[in-house]
N, C-alpha and C. Protein backbone atom coordinates (compact mmCIF):
# COMPACT_ATOMS: atom_id res chain seq x y z
N MET A 1 45.18 99.47 161.67
CA MET A 1 45.02 98.02 161.83
C MET A 1 46.39 97.36 161.79
N LYS A 2 46.55 96.36 162.60
CA LYS A 2 47.80 95.61 162.70
C LYS A 2 48.06 94.83 161.41
N ASN A 3 49.33 94.76 160.98
CA ASN A 3 49.71 94.04 159.77
C ASN A 3 49.69 92.53 160.05
N GLU A 4 48.69 91.83 159.55
CA GLU A 4 48.53 90.40 159.83
C GLU A 4 49.14 89.54 158.75
N ARG A 5 49.51 88.32 159.15
CA ARG A 5 50.06 87.36 158.19
C ARG A 5 48.99 86.91 157.22
N PRO A 6 49.40 86.57 155.97
CA PRO A 6 48.41 86.18 154.95
C PRO A 6 47.65 84.90 155.28
N ASP A 7 48.24 83.99 156.10
CA ASP A 7 47.52 82.75 156.43
C ASP A 7 46.49 82.97 157.53
N ARG A 8 46.49 84.14 158.14
CA ARG A 8 45.52 84.44 159.20
C ARG A 8 44.38 85.33 158.74
N SER A 9 44.55 85.93 157.58
CA SER A 9 43.48 86.78 157.03
C SER A 9 43.61 86.81 155.52
N GLY A 10 42.56 87.23 154.88
CA GLY A 10 42.61 87.36 153.43
C GLY A 10 42.35 86.07 152.69
N PRO A 11 42.72 86.03 151.41
CA PRO A 11 42.37 84.89 150.55
C PRO A 11 43.07 83.58 150.91
N HIS A 12 44.19 83.62 151.60
CA HIS A 12 44.90 82.39 151.95
C HIS A 12 44.30 81.68 153.16
N ARG A 13 43.48 82.37 153.93
CA ARG A 13 42.94 81.80 155.17
C ARG A 13 42.15 80.51 154.92
N VAL A 14 41.28 80.51 153.95
CA VAL A 14 40.43 79.34 153.67
C VAL A 14 41.29 78.16 153.23
N ALA A 15 42.25 78.41 152.33
CA ALA A 15 43.13 77.33 151.85
C ALA A 15 43.99 76.80 152.99
N PHE A 16 44.48 77.68 153.87
CA PHE A 16 45.30 77.25 155.01
C PHE A 16 44.48 76.34 155.92
N GLU A 17 43.26 76.73 156.24
CA GLU A 17 42.41 75.92 157.13
C GLU A 17 42.11 74.55 156.52
N LYS A 18 41.84 74.51 155.22
CA LYS A 18 41.57 73.25 154.53
C LYS A 18 42.79 72.33 154.59
N ASN A 19 43.96 72.88 154.30
CA ASN A 19 45.19 72.08 154.33
C ASN A 19 45.57 71.69 155.75
N LYS A 20 45.28 72.54 156.72
CA LYS A 20 45.54 72.23 158.13
C LYS A 20 44.74 70.99 158.54
N LYS A 21 43.46 70.94 158.17
CA LYS A 21 42.61 69.79 158.50
C LYS A 21 43.16 68.51 157.85
N ARG A 22 43.61 68.64 156.59
CA ARG A 22 44.16 67.48 155.88
C ARG A 22 45.43 66.97 156.58
N ILE A 23 46.30 67.87 157.00
CA ILE A 23 47.54 67.48 157.66
C ILE A 23 47.25 66.85 159.02
N LEU A 24 46.36 67.45 159.79
CA LEU A 24 46.02 66.89 161.11
C LEU A 24 45.39 65.50 160.98
N ALA A 25 44.73 65.23 159.87
CA ALA A 25 44.09 63.92 159.66
C ALA A 25 45.05 62.88 159.11
N THR A 26 46.12 63.28 158.45
CA THR A 26 46.99 62.31 157.77
C THR A 26 48.39 62.16 158.35
N GLN A 27 48.90 63.16 159.02
CA GLN A 27 50.27 63.08 159.53
C GLN A 27 50.26 62.76 161.02
N GLU A 28 51.29 62.06 161.49
CA GLU A 28 51.35 61.65 162.89
C GLU A 28 52.67 62.01 163.56
N VAL A 29 53.65 62.46 162.77
CA VAL A 29 55.00 62.68 163.29
C VAL A 29 55.37 64.15 163.11
N CYS A 30 56.05 64.71 164.11
CA CYS A 30 56.51 66.10 164.04
C CYS A 30 57.54 66.23 162.93
N GLY A 31 57.34 67.17 162.03
CA GLY A 31 58.25 67.39 160.92
C GLY A 31 59.56 68.03 161.35
N ILE A 32 59.64 68.53 162.59
CA ILE A 32 60.86 69.18 163.07
C ILE A 32 61.72 68.21 163.87
N CYS A 33 61.13 67.52 164.86
CA CYS A 33 61.94 66.62 165.70
C CYS A 33 61.82 65.16 165.31
N GLY A 34 60.80 64.78 164.53
CA GLY A 34 60.65 63.41 164.08
C GLY A 34 59.95 62.48 165.06
N LYS A 35 59.44 63.01 166.18
CA LYS A 35 58.76 62.18 167.18
C LYS A 35 57.25 62.25 166.99
N PRO A 36 56.52 61.23 167.47
CA PRO A 36 55.05 61.22 167.32
C PRO A 36 54.39 62.41 168.01
N VAL A 37 53.26 62.85 167.45
CA VAL A 37 52.49 63.95 168.01
C VAL A 37 51.20 63.39 168.59
N ASP A 38 50.91 63.70 169.87
CA ASP A 38 49.69 63.24 170.54
C ASP A 38 48.58 64.23 170.22
N MET A 39 47.63 63.81 169.41
CA MET A 39 46.55 64.69 168.95
C MET A 39 45.53 65.02 170.06
N THR A 40 45.58 64.32 171.19
CA THR A 40 44.63 64.59 172.27
C THR A 40 45.05 65.78 173.12
N LEU A 41 46.31 66.19 173.04
CA LEU A 41 46.79 67.32 173.83
C LEU A 41 46.36 68.63 173.17
N LYS A 42 46.01 69.60 173.99
CA LYS A 42 45.53 70.89 173.49
C LYS A 42 46.55 71.99 173.77
N THR A 43 46.56 73.01 172.91
CA THR A 43 47.42 74.18 173.09
C THR A 43 47.06 74.84 174.41
N PRO A 44 47.98 75.29 175.22
CA PRO A 44 49.40 75.51 175.02
C PRO A 44 50.30 74.39 175.54
N HIS A 45 49.81 73.16 175.64
CA HIS A 45 50.69 72.06 176.05
C HIS A 45 51.86 72.00 175.06
N PRO A 46 53.11 71.87 175.55
CA PRO A 46 54.28 71.90 174.66
C PRO A 46 54.29 70.83 173.58
N LEU A 47 53.64 69.69 173.81
CA LEU A 47 53.64 68.61 172.83
C LEU A 47 52.35 68.53 172.03
N SER A 48 51.51 69.56 172.11
CA SER A 48 50.27 69.57 171.34
C SER A 48 50.58 69.80 169.86
N ALA A 49 49.63 69.44 169.02
CA ALA A 49 49.81 69.54 167.57
C ALA A 49 49.60 70.97 167.08
N CYS A 50 50.41 71.36 166.11
CA CYS A 50 50.21 72.63 165.41
C CYS A 50 50.75 72.48 163.99
N ILE A 51 50.51 73.47 163.18
CA ILE A 51 50.95 73.45 161.79
C ILE A 51 52.15 74.39 161.64
N ASP A 52 53.22 73.88 161.05
CA ASP A 52 54.45 74.65 160.84
C ASP A 52 54.62 74.96 159.37
N HIS A 53 55.06 76.16 159.06
CA HIS A 53 55.45 76.51 157.69
C HIS A 53 56.91 76.08 157.53
N ILE A 54 57.19 75.16 156.62
CA ILE A 54 58.54 74.66 156.41
C ILE A 54 59.47 75.82 156.04
N VAL A 55 59.08 76.59 155.04
CA VAL A 55 59.77 77.84 154.73
C VAL A 55 58.89 78.93 155.32
N PRO A 56 59.37 79.63 156.36
CA PRO A 56 58.52 80.63 157.02
C PRO A 56 57.98 81.68 156.05
N VAL A 57 56.77 82.15 156.34
CA VAL A 57 56.14 83.17 155.51
C VAL A 57 57.03 84.41 155.45
N SER A 58 57.69 84.73 156.57
CA SER A 58 58.57 85.91 156.61
C SER A 58 59.81 85.75 155.74
N LYS A 59 60.13 84.51 155.36
CA LYS A 59 61.29 84.25 154.50
C LYS A 59 60.87 83.95 153.06
N GLY A 60 59.61 84.21 152.74
CA GLY A 60 59.13 84.03 151.38
C GLY A 60 58.36 82.74 151.14
N GLY A 61 58.09 81.97 152.19
CA GLY A 61 57.33 80.73 152.05
C GLY A 61 55.87 81.02 151.75
N HIS A 62 55.25 80.11 151.02
CA HIS A 62 53.83 80.27 150.67
C HIS A 62 52.99 80.07 151.92
N PRO A 63 52.03 80.96 152.19
CA PRO A 63 51.26 80.88 153.43
C PRO A 63 50.24 79.75 153.51
N SER A 64 49.82 79.18 152.36
CA SER A 64 48.77 78.16 152.44
C SER A 64 49.03 76.92 151.60
N ASP A 65 50.13 76.85 150.87
CA ASP A 65 50.43 75.69 150.03
C ASP A 65 50.73 74.48 150.89
N ILE A 66 50.07 73.36 150.62
CA ILE A 66 50.25 72.16 151.45
C ILE A 66 51.69 71.64 151.41
N GLU A 67 52.41 71.93 150.34
CA GLU A 67 53.83 71.52 150.25
C GLU A 67 54.71 72.31 151.21
N ASN A 68 54.21 73.43 151.72
CA ASN A 68 54.98 74.25 152.66
C ASN A 68 54.48 74.10 154.09
N LEU A 69 53.58 73.16 154.33
CA LEU A 69 53.02 72.96 155.67
C LEU A 69 53.35 71.56 156.17
N GLN A 70 53.58 71.46 157.48
CA GLN A 70 53.85 70.15 158.10
C GLN A 70 53.33 70.16 159.53
N LEU A 71 53.08 68.98 160.05
CA LEU A 71 52.67 68.81 161.43
C LEU A 71 53.88 69.02 162.33
N ALA A 72 53.68 69.65 163.48
CA ALA A 72 54.78 69.88 164.42
C ALA A 72 54.24 69.93 165.84
N HIS A 73 55.13 69.72 166.81
CA HIS A 73 54.79 69.97 168.21
C HIS A 73 54.77 71.49 168.40
N TRP A 74 53.93 71.97 169.30
CA TRP A 74 53.84 73.40 169.57
C TRP A 74 55.20 73.94 170.00
N ALA A 75 55.90 73.22 170.91
CA ALA A 75 57.19 73.68 171.42
C ALA A 75 58.26 73.66 170.32
N CYS A 76 58.24 72.65 169.46
CA CYS A 76 59.21 72.57 168.36
C CYS A 76 59.01 73.75 167.41
N ASN A 77 57.76 74.07 167.11
CA ASN A 77 57.45 75.17 166.21
C ASN A 77 57.87 76.50 166.83
N ARG A 78 57.64 76.68 168.13
CA ARG A 78 58.04 77.91 168.81
C ARG A 78 59.56 78.05 168.82
N ALA A 79 60.27 76.94 169.03
CA ALA A 79 61.74 76.98 169.05
C ALA A 79 62.30 77.26 167.67
N LYS A 80 61.65 76.72 166.65
CA LYS A 80 62.09 76.94 165.28
C LYS A 80 61.89 78.40 164.89
N SER A 81 60.77 78.98 165.31
CA SER A 81 60.42 80.36 165.01
C SER A 81 60.44 80.59 163.50
N ASP A 82 61.21 81.57 163.02
CA ASP A 82 61.26 81.84 161.58
C ASP A 82 62.58 81.40 160.96
N LYS A 83 63.20 80.38 161.60
CA LYS A 83 64.45 79.85 161.06
C LYS A 83 64.16 78.81 159.97
N LEU A 84 65.14 78.57 159.14
CA LEU A 84 65.03 77.54 158.11
C LEU A 84 65.79 76.32 158.57
N PHE A 85 65.10 75.19 158.73
CA PHE A 85 65.72 73.93 159.12
C PHE A 85 65.40 72.88 158.09
N LYS A 86 66.28 71.91 157.96
CA LYS A 86 66.01 70.78 157.09
C LYS A 86 65.01 69.86 157.81
N SER A 87 63.98 69.46 157.12
CA SER A 87 62.95 68.61 157.69
C SER A 87 63.49 67.21 157.96
N LYS A 88 63.10 66.62 159.11
CA LYS A 88 63.54 65.27 159.44
C LYS A 88 62.66 64.21 158.80
N ARG A 89 61.57 64.61 158.17
CA ARG A 89 60.68 63.60 157.60
C ARG A 89 61.05 63.24 156.17
N GLU A 90 62.14 63.81 155.64
CA GLU A 90 62.58 63.46 154.29
C GLU A 90 63.04 62.01 154.26
N PRO A 91 62.72 61.27 153.23
CA PRO A 91 63.13 59.87 153.18
C PRO A 91 64.65 59.74 153.10
N LYS A 92 65.15 58.75 153.84
CA LYS A 92 66.58 58.51 153.83
C LYS A 92 66.94 57.65 152.64
N LYS A 93 68.10 57.91 152.08
CA LYS A 93 68.56 57.15 150.92
C LYS A 93 69.06 55.78 151.40
N ALA A 94 68.54 54.73 150.80
CA ALA A 94 68.95 53.39 151.17
C ALA A 94 70.31 53.07 150.56
N ILE A 95 71.15 52.40 151.36
CA ILE A 95 72.46 52.01 150.85
C ILE A 95 72.32 50.62 150.24
N THR A 96 72.63 50.52 148.97
CA THR A 96 72.60 49.24 148.28
C THR A 96 73.94 49.03 147.61
N ASN A 97 74.12 47.88 147.00
CA ASN A 97 75.39 47.62 146.33
C ASN A 97 75.59 48.57 145.15
N ARG A 98 74.52 49.21 144.68
CA ARG A 98 74.65 50.15 143.57
C ARG A 98 75.23 51.49 144.03
N ASN A 99 75.17 51.76 145.34
CA ASN A 99 75.68 53.02 145.86
C ASN A 99 77.10 52.90 146.41
N LEU A 100 77.59 51.68 146.57
CA LEU A 100 78.91 51.49 147.17
C LEU A 100 80.01 51.72 146.14
N PRO A 101 81.18 52.16 146.61
CA PRO A 101 82.27 52.36 145.67
C PRO A 101 82.78 51.03 145.14
N TRP A 102 83.42 51.08 143.98
CA TRP A 102 83.97 49.86 143.40
C TRP A 102 85.09 49.34 144.30
N SER A 103 85.13 48.03 144.52
CA SER A 103 86.18 47.44 145.35
C SER A 103 87.40 47.08 144.50
N THR A 104 87.21 46.94 143.22
CA THR A 104 88.31 46.59 142.31
C THR A 104 88.23 47.48 141.07
N ASP A 105 89.39 47.94 140.63
CA ASP A 105 89.43 48.75 139.42
C ASP A 105 89.54 47.80 138.23
N TRP A 106 88.39 47.50 137.62
CA TRP A 106 88.34 46.53 136.54
C TRP A 106 88.87 47.08 135.22
N THR A 107 89.15 48.37 135.15
CA THR A 107 89.67 48.93 133.90
C THR A 107 91.09 48.44 133.62
N LYS A 108 91.79 48.01 134.64
CA LYS A 108 93.16 47.51 134.47
C LYS A 108 93.24 45.99 134.42
N TYR A 109 92.08 45.33 134.41
CA TYR A 109 92.06 43.87 134.41
C TYR A 109 92.49 43.33 133.06
N LYS A 110 93.38 42.38 133.07
CA LYS A 110 93.82 41.70 131.87
C LYS A 110 93.40 40.25 131.99
N GLY A 111 92.41 39.88 131.21
CA GLY A 111 91.90 38.51 131.25
C GLY A 111 92.92 37.50 130.79
N ALA A 112 92.70 36.23 131.13
CA ALA A 112 93.64 35.18 130.77
C ALA A 112 93.60 34.82 129.32
């Protein structure tokens, strides 16, 4: 028998399918390219929806944990293959006055 991935057979299959349904119902943007995913397109259309393992199973990623799964375009997932990429859906850090460098070195200030 062919050596199958844990998310396609065995105890992880049910959890993977449950989390897949949750992701397809709640996410709208490809986790790899950051563009919207059209849910009406069907595989093998390049822009159809599929589920991507953020950390590939072959690299030690969990096969069914929802924290390791994201929505992706079919073509983006195929291009990514088993590589590790930083996700584009991570929130960007907002620049505020608390993050900017000091404009004046007040440690040398001598008041009047």
